[in-house]
């Protein structure tokens, strides 16, 4: 799981870069990787926001799961692609929500391979 750094820490590291301190010293002092520092510098140059990029909230996930259950109860034969299109979420997101809900894929004789 990624580690989120505070906005203050990000700004302090970037201030150190703008003062001309060596990047080796900065990453050692702040305990970050060179790639992380490079990403922050790139964000600053592009003018993007430096706030931590966190995942969606619990409430958002809960509402997606509720809508997913509602759709599945009405149309249980929808595929992941159809569900993702219907809910405007990526198919991987739909897959993980279904897994969290304990909903498994359809396993009937018509779709199984015979050996």
C-alpha atoms as a PDB file:
ATOM      1  CA  UNK A   1       0.000   0.000   0.000  1.00  0.00           C
ATOM      2  CA  UNK A   2       1.367   3.422  -0.909  1.00  0.00           C
ATOM      3  CA  UNK A   3       2.535   5.828   1.738  1.00  0.00           C
ATOM      4  CA  UNK A   4       0.926   9.268   1.646  1.00  0.00           C
ATOM      5  CA  UNK A   5       3.093  12.225   2.530  1.00  0.00           C
ATOM      6  CA  UNK A   6       1.649  15.420   3.940  1.00  0.00           C
ATOM      7  CA  UNK A   7       1.370  18.527   1.829  1.00  0.00           C
ATOM      8  CA  UNK A   8       3.665  20.362   4.271  1.00  0.00           C
ATOM      9  CA  UNK A   9       6.381  17.754   3.809  1.00  0.00           C
ATOM     10  CA  UNK A  10       6.072  17.943   0.040  1.00  0.00           C
ATOM     11  CA  UNK A  11       6.371  21.729   0.097  1.00  0.00           C
ATOM     12  CA  UNK A  12       9.367  21.611   2.480  1.00  0.00           C
ATOM     13  CA  UNK A  13      11.194  19.163   0.203  1.00  0.00           C
ATOM     14  CA  UNK A  14      10.479  21.304  -2.849  1.00  0.00           C
ATOM     15  CA  UNK A  15      11.635  24.423  -0.999  1.00  0.00           C
ATOM     16  CA  UNK A  16      14.915  22.636  -0.254  1.00  0.00           C
ATOM     17  CA  UNK A  17      15.268  21.831  -3.965  1.00  0.00           C
ATOM     18  CA  UNK A  18      14.656  25.468  -4.913  1.00  0.00           C
ATOM     19  CA  UNK A  19      17.286  26.583  -2.374  1.00  0.00           C
ATOM     20  CA  UNK A  20      19.808  24.447  -4.232  1.00  0.00           C
ATOM     21  CA  UNK A  21      20.357  21.678  -1.692  1.00  0.00           C
ATOM     22  CA  UNK A  22      21.512  18.383  -3.135  1.00  0.00           C
ATOM     23  CA  UNK A  23      18.832  15.857  -3.900  1.00  0.00           C
ATOM     24  CA  UNK A  24      20.764  13.147  -2.056  1.00  0.00           C
ATOM     25  CA  UNK A  25      20.617  15.153   1.162  1.00  0.00           C
ATOM     26  CA  UNK A  26      16.932  15.960   0.660  1.00  0.00           C
ATOM     27  CA  UNK A  27      15.848  12.352   0.142  1.00  0.00           C
ATOM     28  CA  UNK A  28      17.940  11.227   3.101  1.00  0.00           C
ATOM     29  CA  UNK A  29      16.552  13.963   5.389  1.00  0.00           C
ATOM     30  CA  UNK A  30      12.907  13.408   4.422  1.00  0.00           C
ATOM     31  CA  UNK A  31      13.166   9.628   4.044  1.00  0.00           C
ATOM     32  CA  UNK A  32      11.761   9.541   0.527  1.00  0.00           C
ATOM     33  CA  UNK A  33      12.947   8.008  -2.707  1.00  0.00           C
ATOM     34  CA  UNK A  34      14.574   9.902  -5.534  1.00  0.00           C
ATOM     35  CA  UNK A  35      11.635   8.937  -7.784  1.00  0.00           C
ATOM     36  CA  UNK A  36       9.169  10.449  -5.295  1.00  0.00           C
ATOM     37  CA  UNK A  37      11.099  13.714  -5.203  1.00  0.00           C
ATOM     38  CA  UNK A  38      11.311  13.747  -9.005  1.00  0.00           C
ATOM     39  CA  UNK A  39       7.538  13.225  -9.225  1.00  0.00           C
ATOM     40  CA  UNK A  40       6.904  16.143  -6.844  1.00  0.00           C
ATOM     41  CA  UNK A  41       9.225  18.386  -8.878  1.00  0.00           C
ATOM     42  CA  UNK A  42       7.416  17.369 -12.058  1.00  0.00           C
ATOM     43  CA  UNK A  43       4.028  18.164 -10.450  1.00  0.00           C
ATOM     44  CA  UNK A  44       5.262  21.568  -9.305  1.00  0.00           C
ATOM     45  CA  UNK A  45       6.609  22.442 -12.755  1.00  0.00           C
ATOM     46  CA  UNK A  46       3.349  21.439 -14.436  1.00  0.00           C
ATOM     47  CA  UNK A  47       1.366  23.524 -11.958  1.00  0.00           C
ATOM     48  CA  UNK A  48      -0.650  20.582 -10.655  1.00  0.00           C
ATOM     49  CA  UNK A  49      -1.846  20.247  -7.074  1.00  0.00           C
ATOM     50  CA  UNK A  50       0.642  18.832  -4.547  1.00  0.00           C
ATOM     51  CA  UNK A  51      -1.983  17.373  -2.229  1.00  0.00           C
ATOM     52  CA  UNK A  52      -1.769  13.650  -1.573  1.00  0.00           C
ATOM     53  CA  UNK A  53      -3.633  11.545  -4.107  1.00  0.00           C
ATOM     54  CA  UNK A  54      -5.850   9.333  -1.967  1.00  0.00           C
ATOM     55  CA  UNK A  55      -8.298   6.651  -2.988  1.00  0.00           C
ATOM     56  CA  UNK A  56     -12.041   7.153  -3.005  1.00  0.00           C
ATOM     57  CA  UNK A  57     -13.901   7.393   0.239  1.00  0.00           C
ATOM     58  CA  UNK A  58     -15.670   4.598   2.079  1.00  0.00           C
ATOM     59  CA  UNK A  59     -19.037   6.250   1.391  1.00  0.00           C
ATOM     60  CA  UNK A  60     -18.319   6.267  -2.330  1.00  0.00           C
ATOM     61  CA  UNK A  61     -17.399   2.575  -2.292  1.00  0.00           C
ATOM     62  CA  UNK A  62     -20.525   1.787  -0.289  1.00  0.00           C
ATOM     63  CA  UNK A  63     -22.756   3.591  -2.787  1.00  0.00           C
ATOM     64  CA  UNK A  64     -21.097   1.763  -5.701  1.00  0.00           C
ATOM     65  CA  UNK A  65     -21.718  -1.575  -3.976  1.00  0.00           C
ATOM     66  CA  UNK A  66     -25.357  -0.678  -3.292  1.00  0.00           C
ATOM     67  CA  UNK A  67     -25.925   0.297  -6.940  1.00  0.00           C
ATOM     68  CA  UNK A  68     -24.102  -2.835  -8.064  1.00  0.00           C
ATOM     69  CA  UNK A  69     -26.338  -5.083  -5.958  1.00  0.00           C
ATOM     70  CA  UNK A  70     -29.410  -3.291  -7.270  1.00  0.00           C
ATOM     71  CA  UNK A  71     -28.346  -3.777 -10.899  1.00  0.00           C
ATOM     72  CA  UNK A  72     -27.395  -7.428 -10.326  1.00  0.00           C
ATOM     73  CA  UNK A  73     -30.733  -8.197  -8.672  1.00  0.00           C
ATOM     74  CA  UNK A  74     -32.539  -6.848 -11.774  1.00  0.00           C
ATOM     75  CA  UNK A  75     -30.179  -8.323 -14.392  1.00  0.00           C
ATOM     76  CA  UNK A  76     -28.019 -11.127 -12.970  1.00  0.00           C
ATOM     77  CA  UNK A  77     -26.563 -12.165 -16.345  1.00  0.00           C
ATOM     78  CA  UNK A  78     -24.641  -8.956 -17.066  1.00  0.00           C
ATOM     79  CA  UNK A  79     -20.925  -9.297 -17.770  1.00  0.00           C
ATOM     80  CA  UNK A  80     -18.196  -7.243 -16.081  1.00  0.00           C
ATOM     81  CA  UNK A  81     -17.912  -5.056 -19.172  1.00  0.00           C
ATOM     82  CA  UNK A  82     -21.649  -4.407 -19.218  1.00  0.00           C
ATOM     83  CA  UNK A  83     -21.695  -3.639 -15.497  1.00  0.00           C
ATOM     84  CA  UNK A  84     -18.733  -1.299 -15.786  1.00  0.00           C
ATOM     85  CA  UNK A  85     -20.370   0.560 -18.659  1.00  0.00           C
ATOM     86  CA  UNK A  86     -23.666   0.797 -16.786  1.00  0.00           C
ATOM     87  CA  UNK A  87     -22.061   2.109 -13.570  1.00  0.00           C
ATOM     88  CA  UNK A  88     -19.327   4.170 -15.276  1.00  0.00           C
ATOM     89  CA  UNK A  89     -16.574   2.384 -13.370  1.00  0.00           C
ATOM     90  CA  UNK A  90     -13.563   0.420 -14.602  1.00  0.00           C
ATOM     91  CA  UNK A  91     -14.143  -3.322 -14.961  1.00  0.00           C
ATOM     92  CA  UNK A  92     -11.421  -4.038 -12.377  1.00  0.00           C
ATOM     93  CA  UNK A  93     -13.272  -1.843  -9.877  1.00  0.00           C
ATOM     94  CA  UNK A  94     -16.468  -3.790 -10.546  1.00  0.00           C
ATOM     95  CA  UNK A  95     -14.582  -7.075 -10.128  1.00  0.00           C
ATOM     96  CA  UNK A  96     -13.191  -6.089  -6.716  1.00  0.00           C
ATOM     97  CA  UNK A  97     -16.552  -4.797  -5.500  1.00  0.00           C
ATOM     98  CA  UNK A  98     -18.207  -8.059  -6.558  1.00  0.00           C
ATOM     99  CA  UNK A  99     -15.473  -9.983  -4.771  1.00  0.00           C
ATOM    100  CA  UNK A 100     -15.995  -7.888  -1.628  1.00  0.00           C
ATOM    101  CA  UNK A 101     -19.734  -8.575  -1.814  1.00  0.00           C
ATOM    102  CA  UNK A 102     -19.144 -12.305  -2.221  1.00  0.00           C
ATOM    103  CA  UNK A 103     -20.801 -12.445  -5.634  1.00  0.00           C
ATOM    104  CA  UNK A 104     -19.191 -15.116  -7.776  1.00  0.00           C
ATOM    105  CA  UNK A 105     -19.248 -15.649 -11.495  1.00  0.00           C
ATOM    106  CA  UNK A 106     -21.913 -17.720 -13.130  1.00  0.00           C
ATOM    107  CA  UNK A 107     -20.939 -21.383 -13.224  1.00  0.00           C
ATOM    108  CA  UNK A 108     -23.550 -23.432 -15.058  1.00  0.00           C
ATOM    109  CA  UNK A 109     -23.151 -26.432 -17.344  1.00  0.00           C
ATOM    110  CA  UNK A 110     -23.784 -24.409 -20.492  1.00  0.00           C
ATOM    111  CA  UNK A 111     -20.671 -22.280 -19.947  1.00  0.00           C
ATOM    112  CA  UNK A 112     -18.307 -24.970 -18.630  1.00  0.00           C
ATOM    113  CA  UNK A 113     -15.837 -26.785 -20.806  1.00  0.00           C
ATOM    114  CA  UNK A 114     -16.088 -30.528 -20.923  1.00  0.00           C
ATOM    115  CA  UNK A 115     -12.925 -32.565 -20.844  1.00  0.00           C
END
